[in-house]
Amino acid sequence: MRDMTAVSAEAAWLLLVGLAVVGAMVTLADGRLRWYPRGLLQWCVVIALAQGPYGMLLASGLIPQAETPAVRIVMLPTWIAGVGFAVWKGRHAVLGRWADQELVRILGNLNVLTRITALHRRAEGADTRELTLHEARTALGRRRGRVALLSFEKVIDQMEAEHRSTEEWSELRSRIRALVTNFVGRPQPDQAPSGV
């Protein structure tokens, strides 16, 4: 029974610490590429630092000492793995927020919304694209660059039949697909390896 209490307490504290770690990383990074581990040495520092809070919680009795030796042996590695996972999620959150802000800036510099809106109004079937274009506009307002980018890609692809021969459409499609590849990481069909 004491082992179960110890494991449950560790899980609860690990959840709280994990959420705090992710929140702190995103807040401290403030949309920039910082406050996350980049190499093996920094990950080793994370593992070393993770043991501190665990030791304090154990010493204070907030995490009870397990009775079974096997459970006691497993609890510390579990804690370290949990904190490591939280840092890994925080790293992805930092990178994601940076990508969103960079994309909002790039899309703004390229004047993508205005240019795609103009193409959209000149092409047939505008009603079918209106919702997707609205989603892109809303995402830009909320500084969700990746969502806006994918919505723009969908709109530009839907206008292929009407604008495929125009230089404006071709340039926008090329730039948007390059941004999708660089920031979202989804390979485009025309970039598949030969023989596939």
N, C-alpha and C. Protein backbone atom coordinates (compact mmCIF):
# COMPACT_ATOMS: atom_id res chain seq x y z
N MET A 1 0.84 -1.21 0.00
CA MET A 1 0.00 0.00 0.00
C MET A 1 0.87 1.26 0.00
N ARG A 2 1.95 1.23 0.78
CA ARG A 2 2.84 2.39 0.84
C ARG A 2 3.54 2.61 -0.50
N ASP A 3 3.86 1.50 -1.19
CA ASP A 3 4.48 1.61 -2.51
C ASP A 3 3.54 2.32 -3.48
N MET A 4 2.27 1.96 -3.46
CA MET A 4 1.28 2.57 -4.36
C MET A 4 1.14 4.06 -4.06
N THR A 5 1.14 4.41 -2.77
CA THR A 5 1.05 5.82 -2.38
C THR A 5 2.26 6.61 -2.88
N ALA A 6 3.43 6.00 -2.75
CA ALA A 6 4.65 6.66 -3.20
C ALA A 6 4.64 6.88 -4.72
N VAL A 7 4.24 5.87 -5.45
CA VAL A 7 4.20 5.97 -6.92
C VAL A 7 3.16 7.00 -7.36
N SER A 8 2.01 7.01 -6.71
CA SER A 8 0.95 7.97 -7.05
C SER A 8 1.40 9.40 -6.76
N ALA A 9 2.05 9.59 -5.62
CA ALA A 9 2.54 10.92 -5.27
C ALA A 9 3.61 11.38 -6.26
N GLU A 10 4.49 10.48 -6.65
CA GLU A 10 5.53 10.83 -7.62
C GLU A 10 4.89 11.22 -8.95
N ALA A 11 3.89 10.47 -9.39
CA ALA A 11 3.23 10.77 -10.66
C ALA A 11 2.57 12.14 -10.63
N ALA A 12 1.91 12.46 -9.52
CA ALA A 12 1.23 13.75 -9.40
C ALA A 12 2.23 14.91 -9.43
N TRP A 13 3.31 14.77 -8.66
CA TRP A 13 4.33 15.82 -8.65
C TRP A 13 5.05 15.93 -9.98
N LEU A 14 5.24 14.79 -10.63
CA LEU A 14 5.91 14.80 -11.93
C LEU A 14 5.07 15.55 -12.97
N LEU A 15 3.76 15.38 -12.90
CA LEU A 15 2.86 16.10 -13.81
C LEU A 15 2.96 17.61 -13.57
N LEU A 16 2.93 18.00 -12.29
CA LEU A 16 3.02 19.44 -11.96
C LEU A 16 4.37 20.02 -12.39
N VAL A 17 5.43 19.30 -12.09
CA VAL A 17 6.77 19.79 -12.46
C VAL A 17 6.92 19.85 -13.97
N GLY A 18 6.39 18.85 -14.66
CA GLY A 18 6.47 18.83 -16.13
C GLY A 18 5.76 20.01 -16.75
N LEU A 19 4.55 20.30 -16.28
CA LEU A 19 3.81 21.46 -16.79
C LEU A 19 4.55 22.76 -16.50
N ALA A 20 5.13 22.85 -15.31
CA ALA A 20 5.89 24.05 -14.94
C ALA A 20 7.12 24.21 -15.82
N VAL A 21 7.79 23.11 -16.13
CA VAL A 21 8.99 23.15 -16.97
C VAL A 21 8.65 23.64 -18.38
N VAL A 22 7.60 23.07 -18.96
CA VAL A 22 7.20 23.48 -20.31
C VAL A 22 6.80 24.95 -20.33
N GLY A 23 5.99 25.36 -19.36
CA GLY A 23 5.56 26.75 -19.29
C GLY A 23 6.72 27.71 -19.12
N ALA A 24 7.67 27.34 -18.26
CA ALA A 24 8.83 28.20 -18.01
C ALA A 24 9.71 28.31 -19.25
N MET A 25 9.90 27.20 -19.96
CA MET A 25 10.73 27.23 -21.16
C MET A 25 10.14 28.14 -22.24
N VAL A 26 8.84 28.02 -22.45
CA VAL A 26 8.18 28.84 -23.47
C VAL A 26 8.20 30.31 -23.08
N THR A 27 7.94 30.60 -21.79
CA THR A 27 7.92 31.98 -21.33
C THR A 27 9.30 32.62 -21.41
N LEU A 28 10.32 31.91 -20.96
CA LEU A 28 11.68 32.45 -20.97
C LEU A 28 12.22 32.61 -22.39
N ALA A 29 11.85 31.69 -23.28
CA ALA A 29 12.31 31.79 -24.67
C ALA A 29 11.71 32.99 -25.37
N ASP A 30 10.44 33.30 -25.05
CA ASP A 30 9.76 34.48 -25.59
C ASP A 30 9.83 34.53 -27.12
N GLY A 31 9.57 33.40 -27.76
CA GLY A 31 9.55 33.35 -29.21
C GLY A 31 10.90 33.28 -29.88
N ARG A 32 11.97 33.14 -29.10
CA ARG A 32 13.31 33.05 -29.68
C ARG A 32 13.87 31.65 -29.47
N LEU A 33 14.93 31.35 -30.20
CA LEU A 33 15.54 30.01 -30.10
C LEU A 33 16.53 29.98 -28.94
N ARG A 34 16.01 29.84 -27.74
CA ARG A 34 16.85 29.79 -26.55
C ARG A 34 16.10 29.05 -25.45
N TRP A 35 16.82 28.77 -24.36
CA TRP A 35 16.24 28.09 -23.20
C TRP A 35 15.75 26.68 -23.53
N TYR A 36 16.52 25.98 -24.37
CA TYR A 36 16.23 24.56 -24.58
C TYR A 36 17.56 23.85 -24.87
N PRO A 37 17.67 22.58 -24.50
CA PRO A 37 18.93 21.85 -24.70
C PRO A 37 19.20 21.59 -26.18
N ARG A 38 20.45 21.80 -26.60
CA ARG A 38 20.82 21.62 -28.01
C ARG A 38 21.81 20.48 -28.23
N GLY A 39 22.51 20.08 -27.20
CA GLY A 39 23.52 19.03 -27.37
C GLY A 39 23.51 18.05 -26.21
N LEU A 40 24.35 17.04 -26.32
CA LEU A 40 24.41 15.97 -25.31
C LEU A 40 24.78 16.53 -23.94
N LEU A 41 25.73 17.45 -23.89
CA LEU A 41 26.16 18.00 -22.61
C LEU A 41 25.01 18.70 -21.90
N GLN A 42 24.22 19.46 -22.64
CA GLN A 42 23.09 20.16 -22.03
C GLN A 42 22.02 19.19 -21.56
N TRP A 43 21.84 18.08 -22.29
CA TRP A 43 20.89 17.07 -21.83
C TRP A 43 21.40 16.39 -20.55
N CYS A 44 22.70 16.22 -20.44
CA CYS A 44 23.28 15.66 -19.21
C CYS A 44 23.04 16.60 -18.03
N VAL A 45 23.11 17.91 -18.28
CA VAL A 45 22.83 18.89 -17.23
C VAL A 45 21.37 18.78 -16.80
N VAL A 46 20.47 18.60 -17.77
CA VAL A 46 19.05 18.44 -17.45
C VAL A 46 18.84 17.24 -16.54
N ILE A 47 19.49 16.12 -16.87
CA ILE A 47 19.36 14.89 -16.06
C ILE A 47 19.88 15.12 -14.65
N ALA A 48 21.00 15.84 -14.54
CA ALA A 48 21.57 16.10 -13.22
C ALA A 48 20.66 17.02 -12.40
N LEU A 49 20.14 18.06 -13.03
CA LEU A 49 19.28 19.01 -12.31
C LEU A 49 17.94 18.38 -11.93
N ALA A 50 17.48 17.42 -12.72
CA ALA A 50 16.18 16.80 -12.44
C ALA A 50 16.17 16.08 -11.10
N GLN A 51 17.33 15.65 -10.63
CA GLN A 51 17.38 14.89 -9.37
C GLN A 51 17.18 15.78 -8.15
N GLY A 52 17.44 17.09 -8.30
CA GLY A 52 17.31 18.00 -7.18
C GLY A 52 15.91 18.09 -6.62
N PRO A 53 14.91 18.45 -7.45
CA PRO A 53 13.53 18.52 -6.94
C PRO A 53 13.03 17.19 -6.38
N TYR A 54 13.44 16.09 -7.02
CA TYR A 54 13.02 14.78 -6.52
C TYR A 54 13.55 14.54 -5.12
N GLY A 55 14.82 14.85 -4.90
CA GLY A 55 15.42 14.67 -3.58
C GLY A 55 14.74 15.54 -2.53
N MET A 56 14.41 16.78 -2.88
CA MET A 56 13.74 17.68 -1.92
C MET A 56 12.33 17.18 -1.58
N LEU A 57 11.61 16.71 -2.59
CA LEU A 57 10.26 16.20 -2.34
C LEU A 57 10.30 14.93 -1.50
N LEU A 58 11.30 14.12 -1.74
CA LEU A 58 11.45 12.89 -0.97
C LEU A 58 11.83 13.20 0.48
N ALA A 59 12.75 14.15 0.65
CA ALA A 59 13.20 14.50 2.01
C ALA A 59 12.10 15.18 2.82
N SER A 60 11.24 15.93 2.13
CA SER A 60 10.16 16.63 2.84
C SER A 60 8.97 15.74 3.14
N GLY A 61 8.95 14.55 2.57
CA GLY A 61 7.84 13.63 2.80
C GLY A 61 6.68 13.83 1.83
N LEU A 62 6.79 14.80 0.92
CA LEU A 62 5.72 15.01 -0.06
C LEU A 62 5.63 13.84 -1.03
N ILE A 63 6.76 13.17 -1.24
CA ILE A 63 6.75 11.87 -1.92
C ILE A 63 7.20 10.85 -0.88
N PRO A 64 6.30 9.98 -0.42
CA PRO A 64 6.66 9.00 0.61
C PRO A 64 7.74 8.02 0.11
N GLN A 65 8.54 7.55 1.02
CA GLN A 65 9.56 6.55 0.69
C GLN A 65 8.88 5.20 0.46
N ALA A 66 9.16 4.57 -0.67
CA ALA A 66 8.56 3.27 -0.97
C ALA A 66 9.17 2.20 -0.07
N GLU A 67 8.37 1.18 0.23
CA GLU A 67 8.84 0.10 1.10
C GLU A 67 9.68 -0.91 0.34
N THR A 68 9.25 -1.27 -0.86
CA THR A 68 9.94 -2.31 -1.63
C THR A 68 11.19 -1.75 -2.29
N PRO A 69 12.34 -2.38 -2.12
CA PRO A 69 13.59 -1.88 -2.73
C PRO A 69 13.48 -1.72 -4.25
N ALA A 70 12.80 -2.67 -4.90
CA ALA A 70 12.69 -2.61 -6.37
C ALA A 70 11.94 -1.34 -6.80
N VAL A 71 10.91 -0.99 -6.05
CA VAL A 71 10.14 0.23 -6.38
C VAL A 71 10.99 1.47 -6.15
N ARG A 72 11.75 1.47 -5.05
CA ARG A 72 12.63 2.62 -4.76
C ARG A 72 13.67 2.81 -5.86
N ILE A 73 14.17 1.70 -6.37
CA ILE A 73 15.20 1.77 -7.43
C ILE A 73 14.62 2.36 -8.72
N VAL A 74 13.38 2.01 -9.00
CA VAL A 74 12.75 2.44 -10.26
C VAL A 74 12.28 3.89 -10.21
N MET A 75 11.96 4.39 -9.03
CA MET A 75 11.31 5.70 -8.93
C MET A 75 12.19 6.85 -9.43
N LEU A 76 13.46 6.86 -9.09
CA LEU A 76 14.34 7.96 -9.53
C LEU A 76 14.52 7.97 -11.06
N PRO A 77 14.84 6.82 -11.68
CA PRO A 77 14.93 6.85 -13.16
C PRO A 77 13.61 7.27 -13.83
N THR A 78 12.49 6.86 -13.21
CA THR A 78 11.20 7.27 -13.76
C THR A 78 11.04 8.78 -13.69
N TRP A 79 11.45 9.36 -12.56
CA TRP A 79 11.37 10.81 -12.39
C TRP A 79 12.24 11.53 -13.43
N ILE A 80 13.47 11.04 -13.58
CA ILE A 80 14.40 11.66 -14.54
C ILE A 80 13.84 11.56 -15.96
N ALA A 81 13.29 10.39 -16.30
CA ALA A 81 12.71 10.21 -17.63
C ALA A 81 11.52 11.15 -17.84
N GLY A 82 10.71 11.32 -16.79
CA GLY A 82 9.55 12.20 -16.89
C GLY A 82 9.95 13.66 -17.09
N VAL A 83 10.94 14.11 -16.33
CA VAL A 83 11.43 15.49 -16.48
C VAL A 83 12.08 15.66 -17.85
N GLY A 84 12.81 14.65 -18.30
CA GLY A 84 13.42 14.71 -19.63
C GLY A 84 12.37 14.82 -20.72
N PHE A 85 11.28 14.08 -20.57
CA PHE A 85 10.18 14.15 -21.55
C PHE A 85 9.56 15.55 -21.54
N ALA A 86 9.39 16.12 -20.34
CA ALA A 86 8.83 17.47 -20.24
C ALA A 86 9.74 18.49 -20.93
N VAL A 87 11.05 18.36 -20.76
CA VAL A 87 12.00 19.27 -21.41
C VAL A 87 11.94 19.08 -22.93
N TRP A 88 11.81 17.84 -23.37
CA TRP A 88 11.69 17.56 -24.80
C TRP A 88 10.43 18.21 -25.38
N LYS A 89 9.30 18.09 -24.64
CA LYS A 89 8.06 18.75 -25.09
C LYS A 89 8.22 20.27 -25.06
N GLY A 90 8.91 20.77 -24.04
CA GLY A 90 9.15 22.20 -23.97
C GLY A 90 10.00 22.68 -25.13
N ARG A 91 10.98 21.87 -25.50
CA ARG A 91 11.83 22.21 -26.65
C ARG A 91 10.98 22.33 -27.91
N HIS A 92 10.07 21.38 -28.12
CA HIS A 92 9.19 21.44 -29.29
C HIS A 92 8.28 22.65 -29.23
N ALA A 93 7.82 22.99 -28.03
CA ALA A 93 6.96 24.17 -27.89
C ALA A 93 7.71 25.45 -28.21
N VAL A 94 8.96 25.53 -27.76
CA VAL A 94 9.79 26.71 -28.05
C VAL A 94 10.02 26.83 -29.56
N LEU A 95 10.39 25.72 -30.19
CA LEU A 95 10.62 25.73 -31.63
C LEU A 95 9.34 26.06 -32.39
N GLY A 96 8.22 25.53 -31.92
CA GLY A 96 6.95 25.80 -32.59
C GLY A 96 6.55 27.26 -32.50
N ARG A 97 6.73 27.84 -31.33
CA ARG A 97 6.38 29.25 -31.17
C ARG A 97 7.29 30.14 -32.02
N TRP A 98 8.57 29.79 -32.05
CA TRP A 98 9.50 30.54 -32.90
C TRP A 98 9.09 30.43 -34.37
N ALA A 99 8.75 29.22 -34.81
CA ALA A 99 8.35 29.02 -36.21
C ALA A 99 7.10 29.83 -36.54
N ASP A 100 6.13 29.85 -35.62
CA ASP A 100 4.91 30.63 -35.85
C ASP A 100 5.23 32.10 -36.03
N GLN A 101 6.06 32.64 -35.16
CA GLN A 101 6.38 34.07 -35.23
C GLN A 101 7.20 34.40 -36.48
N GLU A 102 8.13 33.52 -36.83
CA GLU A 102 8.92 33.74 -38.05
C GLU A 102 8.03 33.71 -39.28
N LEU A 103 7.09 32.77 -39.32
CA LEU A 103 6.20 32.66 -40.47
C LEU A 103 5.28 33.86 -40.58
N VAL A 104 4.77 34.36 -39.46
CA VAL A 104 3.93 35.56 -39.50
C VAL A 104 4.73 36.72 -40.10
N ARG A 105 5.99 36.83 -39.69
CA ARG A 105 6.84 37.91 -40.22
C ARG A 105 7.10 37.72 -41.72
N ILE A 106 7.46 36.50 -42.12
CA ILE A 106 7.78 36.23 -43.52
C ILE A 106 6.55 36.41 -44.41
N LEU A 107 5.42 35.85 -43.98
CA LEU A 107 4.18 35.98 -44.77
C LEU A 107 3.78 37.45 -44.90
N GLY A 108 4.02 38.21 -43.84
CA GLY A 108 3.73 39.64 -43.90
C GLY A 108 4.65 40.36 -44.88
N ASN A 109 5.96 40.03 -44.83
CA ASN A 109 6.91 40.65 -45.75
C ASN A 109 6.61 40.32 -47.21
N LEU A 110 6.13 39.10 -47.45
CA LEU A 110 5.79 38.68 -48.82
C LEU A 110 4.41 39.18 -49.25
N ASN A 111 3.68 39.79 -48.31
CA ASN A 111 2.33 40.29 -48.60
C ASN A 111 1.42 39.18 -49.13
N VAL A 112 1.56 37.99 -48.54
CA VAL A 112 0.88 36.80 -49.05
C VAL A 112 -0.65 36.94 -48.96
N LEU A 113 -1.16 37.43 -47.85
CA LEU A 113 -2.61 37.52 -47.69
C LEU A 113 -3.24 38.38 -48.78
N THR A 114 -2.68 39.54 -49.03
CA THR A 114 -3.23 40.44 -50.04
C THR A 114 -3.13 39.83 -51.44
N ARG A 115 -2.00 39.21 -51.74
CA ARG A 115 -1.79 38.64 -53.07
C ARG A 115 -2.69 37.44 -53.32
N ILE A 116 -2.84 36.57 -52.32
CA ILE A 116 -3.70 35.40 -52.49
C ILE A 116 -5.17 35.84 -52.55
N THR A 117 -5.53 36.83 -51.75
CA THR A 117 -6.91 37.33 -51.79
C THR A 117 -7.25 37.86 -53.18
N ALA A 118 -6.31 38.57 -53.80
CA ALA A 118 -6.54 39.10 -55.15
C ALA A 118 -6.72 37.97 -56.16
N LEU A 119 -5.87 36.94 -56.08
CA LEU A 119 -6.02 35.79 -56.97
C LEU A 119 -7.34 35.07 -56.71
N HIS A 120 -7.69 34.93 -55.47
CA HIS A 120 -8.92 34.26 -55.05
C HIS A 120 -10.15 34.94 -55.66
N ARG A 121 -10.17 36.26 -55.66
CA ARG A 121 -11.32 37.00 -56.17
C ARG A 121 -11.42 36.92 -57.70
N ARG A 122 -10.28 36.70 -58.37
CA ARG A 122 -10.29 36.63 -59.84
C ARG A 122 -10.59 35.22 -60.34
N ALA A 123 -10.54 34.23 -59.46
CA ALA A 123 -10.76 32.84 -59.88
C ALA A 123 -12.20 32.42 -59.63
N GLU A 124 -12.63 31.42 -60.38
CA GLU A 124 -13.97 30.89 -60.20
C GLU A 124 -14.04 30.06 -58.92
N GLY A 125 -15.27 29.87 -58.42
CA GLY A 125 -15.47 29.05 -57.23
C GLY A 125 -14.96 29.68 -55.96
N ALA A 126 -15.07 31.01 -55.87
CA ALA A 126 -14.56 31.72 -54.69
C ALA A 126 -15.22 31.28 -53.40
N ASP A 127 -16.50 30.93 -53.48
CA ASP A 127 -17.24 30.55 -52.28
C ASP A 127 -16.65 29.31 -51.60
N THR A 128 -16.13 28.39 -52.41
CA THR A 128 -15.59 27.15 -51.84
C THR A 128 -14.27 27.39 -51.11
N ARG A 129 -13.60 28.49 -51.42
CA ARG A 129 -12.31 28.79 -50.79
C ARG A 129 -12.42 29.82 -49.67
N GLU A 130 -13.60 30.44 -49.56
CA GLU A 130 -13.75 31.55 -48.62
C GLU A 130 -13.47 31.13 -47.18
N LEU A 131 -13.96 29.97 -46.77
CA LEU A 131 -13.76 29.51 -45.39
C LEU A 131 -12.28 29.28 -45.11
N THR A 132 -11.56 28.63 -46.04
CA THR A 132 -10.13 28.37 -45.84
C THR A 132 -9.35 29.67 -45.77
N LEU A 133 -9.70 30.63 -46.61
CA LEU A 133 -9.02 31.92 -46.59
C LEU A 133 -9.29 32.66 -45.28
N HIS A 134 -10.52 32.52 -44.79
CA HIS A 134 -10.86 33.13 -43.50
C HIS A 134 -10.05 32.49 -42.37
N GLU A 135 -9.87 31.18 -42.44
CA GLU A 135 -9.05 30.49 -41.43
C GLU A 135 -7.62 30.99 -41.45
N ALA A 136 -7.08 31.22 -42.65
CA ALA A 136 -5.72 31.74 -42.76
C ALA A 136 -5.62 33.15 -42.18
N ARG A 137 -6.61 33.97 -42.48
CA ARG A 137 -6.62 35.35 -41.97
C ARG A 137 -6.71 35.37 -40.45
N THR A 138 -7.57 34.50 -39.90
CA THR A 138 -7.73 34.41 -38.45
C THR A 138 -6.45 33.92 -37.79
N ALA A 139 -5.81 32.91 -38.40
CA ALA A 139 -4.56 32.37 -37.85
C ALA A 139 -3.46 33.43 -37.84
N LEU A 140 -3.40 34.24 -38.88
CA LEU A 140 -2.41 35.32 -38.90
C LEU A 140 -2.66 36.30 -37.77
N GLY A 141 -3.93 36.63 -37.55
CA GLY A 141 -4.28 37.55 -36.47
C GLY A 141 -3.90 37.00 -35.10
N ARG A 142 -3.97 35.68 -34.96
CA ARG A 142 -3.62 35.04 -33.69
C ARG A 142 -2.14 34.63 -33.64
N ARG A 143 -1.38 35.02 -34.67
CA ARG A 143 0.05 34.74 -34.77
C ARG A 143 0.34 33.23 -34.77
N ARG A 144 -0.54 32.48 -35.42
CA ARG A 144 -0.34 31.04 -35.59
C ARG A 144 0.13 30.82 -37.03
N GLY A 145 1.41 31.07 -37.24
CA GLY A 145 1.96 31.09 -38.59
C GLY A 145 1.84 29.79 -39.35
N ARG A 146 2.05 28.65 -38.67
CA ARG A 146 2.00 27.37 -39.37
C ARG A 146 0.59 27.05 -39.85
N VAL A 147 -0.40 27.36 -39.03
CA VAL A 147 -1.79 27.14 -39.44
C VAL A 147 -2.13 28.01 -40.64
N ALA A 148 -1.72 29.27 -40.59
CA ALA A 148 -1.98 30.19 -41.70
C ALA A 148 -1.30 29.70 -42.97
N LEU A 149 -0.05 29.24 -42.84
CA LEU A 149 0.70 28.77 -44.01
C LEU A 149 0.00 27.60 -44.69
N LEU A 150 -0.44 26.62 -43.90
CA LEU A 150 -1.11 25.46 -44.48
C LEU A 150 -2.44 25.82 -45.11
N SER A 151 -3.14 26.79 -44.53
CA SER A 151 -4.39 27.27 -45.14
C SER A 151 -4.11 27.97 -46.46
N PHE A 152 -3.05 28.77 -46.49
CA PHE A 152 -2.67 29.44 -47.74
C PHE A 152 -2.31 28.40 -48.81
N GLU A 153 -1.61 27.38 -48.40
CA GLU A 153 -1.24 26.33 -49.35
C GLU A 153 -2.48 25.67 -49.94
N LYS A 154 -3.46 25.42 -49.09
CA LYS A 154 -4.70 24.78 -49.57
C LYS A 154 -5.42 25.69 -50.55
N VAL A 155 -5.50 26.99 -50.24
CA VAL A 155 -6.18 27.93 -51.13
C VAL A 155 -5.46 28.02 -52.47
N ILE A 156 -4.13 28.12 -52.43
CA ILE A 156 -3.37 28.27 -53.68
C ILE A 156 -3.51 27.03 -54.55
N ASP A 157 -3.56 25.85 -53.94
CA ASP A 157 -3.73 24.62 -54.71
C ASP A 157 -5.12 24.54 -55.33
N GLN A 158 -6.13 25.06 -54.63
CA GLN A 158 -7.49 25.03 -55.16
C GLN A 158 -7.68 25.95 -56.36
N MET A 159 -6.75 26.88 -56.55
CA MET A 159 -6.85 27.81 -57.68
C MET A 159 -5.97 27.40 -58.85
N GLU A 160 -5.44 26.19 -58.81
CA GLU A 160 -4.49 25.76 -59.84
C GLU A 160 -5.12 25.78 -61.23
N ALA A 161 -6.36 25.32 -61.35
CA ALA A 161 -7.00 25.25 -62.67
C ALA A 161 -7.11 26.62 -63.33
N GLU A 162 -7.38 27.67 -62.53
CA GLU A 162 -7.57 29.01 -63.09
C GLU A 162 -6.28 29.78 -63.28
N HIS A 163 -5.27 29.53 -62.41
CA HIS A 163 -4.09 30.40 -62.39
C HIS A 163 -2.77 29.69 -62.68
N ARG A 164 -2.80 28.43 -63.04
CA ARG A 164 -1.54 27.69 -63.17
C ARG A 164 -0.59 28.31 -64.19
N SER A 165 -1.12 29.04 -65.17
CA SER A 165 -0.28 29.63 -66.20
C SER A 165 0.21 31.04 -65.85
N THR A 166 -0.25 31.59 -64.72
CA THR A 166 0.14 32.96 -64.37
C THR A 166 1.41 32.96 -63.53
N GLU A 167 2.24 33.97 -63.75
CA GLU A 167 3.51 34.07 -63.02
C GLU A 167 3.27 34.32 -61.53
N GLU A 168 2.26 35.14 -61.20
CA GLU A 168 1.96 35.46 -59.80
C GLU A 168 1.62 34.21 -59.01
N TRP A 169 0.73 33.36 -59.58
CA TRP A 169 0.32 32.13 -58.90
C TRP A 169 1.52 31.18 -58.74
N SER A 170 2.32 31.04 -59.81
CA SER A 170 3.47 30.13 -59.77
C SER A 170 4.49 30.56 -58.72
N GLU A 171 4.73 31.87 -58.63
CA GLU A 171 5.70 32.37 -57.65
C GLU A 171 5.20 32.13 -56.23
N LEU A 172 3.92 32.46 -55.99
CA LEU A 172 3.35 32.26 -54.66
C LEU A 172 3.36 30.79 -54.28
N ARG A 173 2.97 29.94 -55.19
CA ARG A 173 2.94 28.50 -54.91
C ARG A 173 4.33 28.00 -54.56
N SER A 174 5.35 28.44 -55.31
CA SER A 174 6.72 28.02 -55.05
C SER A 174 7.20 28.48 -53.68
N ARG A 175 6.92 29.73 -53.34
CA ARG A 175 7.36 30.27 -52.05
C ARG A 175 6.64 29.57 -50.89
N ILE A 176 5.35 29.36 -51.04
CA ILE A 176 4.57 28.73 -49.97
C ILE A 176 5.01 27.29 -49.76
N ARG A 177 5.24 26.58 -50.82
CA ARG A 177 5.69 25.18 -50.68
C ARG A 177 7.08 25.09 -50.05
N ALA A 178 7.93 26.05 -50.38
CA ALA A 178 9.26 26.08 -49.76
C ALA A 178 9.14 26.34 -48.26
N LEU A 179 8.24 27.24 -47.88
CA LEU A 179 8.03 27.53 -46.46
C LEU A 179 7.44 26.32 -45.73
N VAL A 180 6.52 25.62 -46.39
CA VAL A 180 5.94 24.41 -45.79
C VAL A 180 7.03 23.38 -45.53
N THR A 181 7.90 23.19 -46.51
CA THR A 181 8.99 22.22 -46.37
C THR A 181 9.93 22.60 -45.22
N ASN A 182 10.26 23.89 -45.12
CA ASN A 182 11.23 24.35 -44.12
C ASN A 182 10.66 24.45 -42.71
N PHE A 183 9.40 24.85 -42.59
CA PHE A 183 8.85 25.12 -41.26
C PHE A 183 7.91 24.02 -40.75
N VAL A 184 7.25 23.32 -41.65
CA VAL A 184 6.33 22.26 -41.23
C VAL A 184 6.98 20.90 -41.40
N GLY A 185 7.83 20.79 -42.41
CA GLY A 185 8.58 19.56 -42.60
C GLY A 185 7.88 18.51 -43.40
N ARG A 186 6.73 18.85 -43.98
CA ARG A 186 6.01 17.87 -44.80
C ARG A 186 6.55 17.92 -46.22
N PRO A 187 7.11 16.82 -46.75
CA PRO A 187 7.64 16.85 -48.11
C PRO A 187 6.54 17.02 -49.13
N GLN A 188 6.83 17.75 -50.18
CA GLN A 188 5.86 17.97 -51.24
C GLN A 188 5.92 16.83 -52.24
N PRO A 189 4.78 16.53 -52.94
CA PRO A 189 4.76 15.43 -53.89
C PRO A 189 5.81 15.55 -54.99
N ASP A 190 6.07 16.80 -55.46
CA ASP A 190 7.02 16.95 -56.55
C ASP A 190 8.46 16.92 -56.05
N GLN A 191 8.65 16.70 -54.72
CA GLN A 191 10.00 16.61 -54.18
C GLN A 191 10.35 15.18 -53.76
N ALA A 192 9.51 14.24 -54.12
CA ALA A 192 9.76 12.83 -53.76
C ALA A 192 11.00 12.33 -54.48
N PRO A 193 11.77 11.45 -53.86
CA PRO A 193 12.96 10.92 -54.51
C PRO A 193 12.61 10.20 -55.80
N SER A 194 13.51 10.22 -56.73
CA SER A 194 13.26 9.55 -58.02
C SER A 194 13.12 8.07 -57.81
N GLY A 195 12.18 7.47 -58.57
CA GLY A 195 11.95 6.03 -58.45
C GLY A 195 10.87 5.69 -57.46
N VAL A 196 10.34 6.71 -56.73
CA VAL A 196 9.30 6.46 -55.74
C VAL A 196 7.96 6.57 -56.41
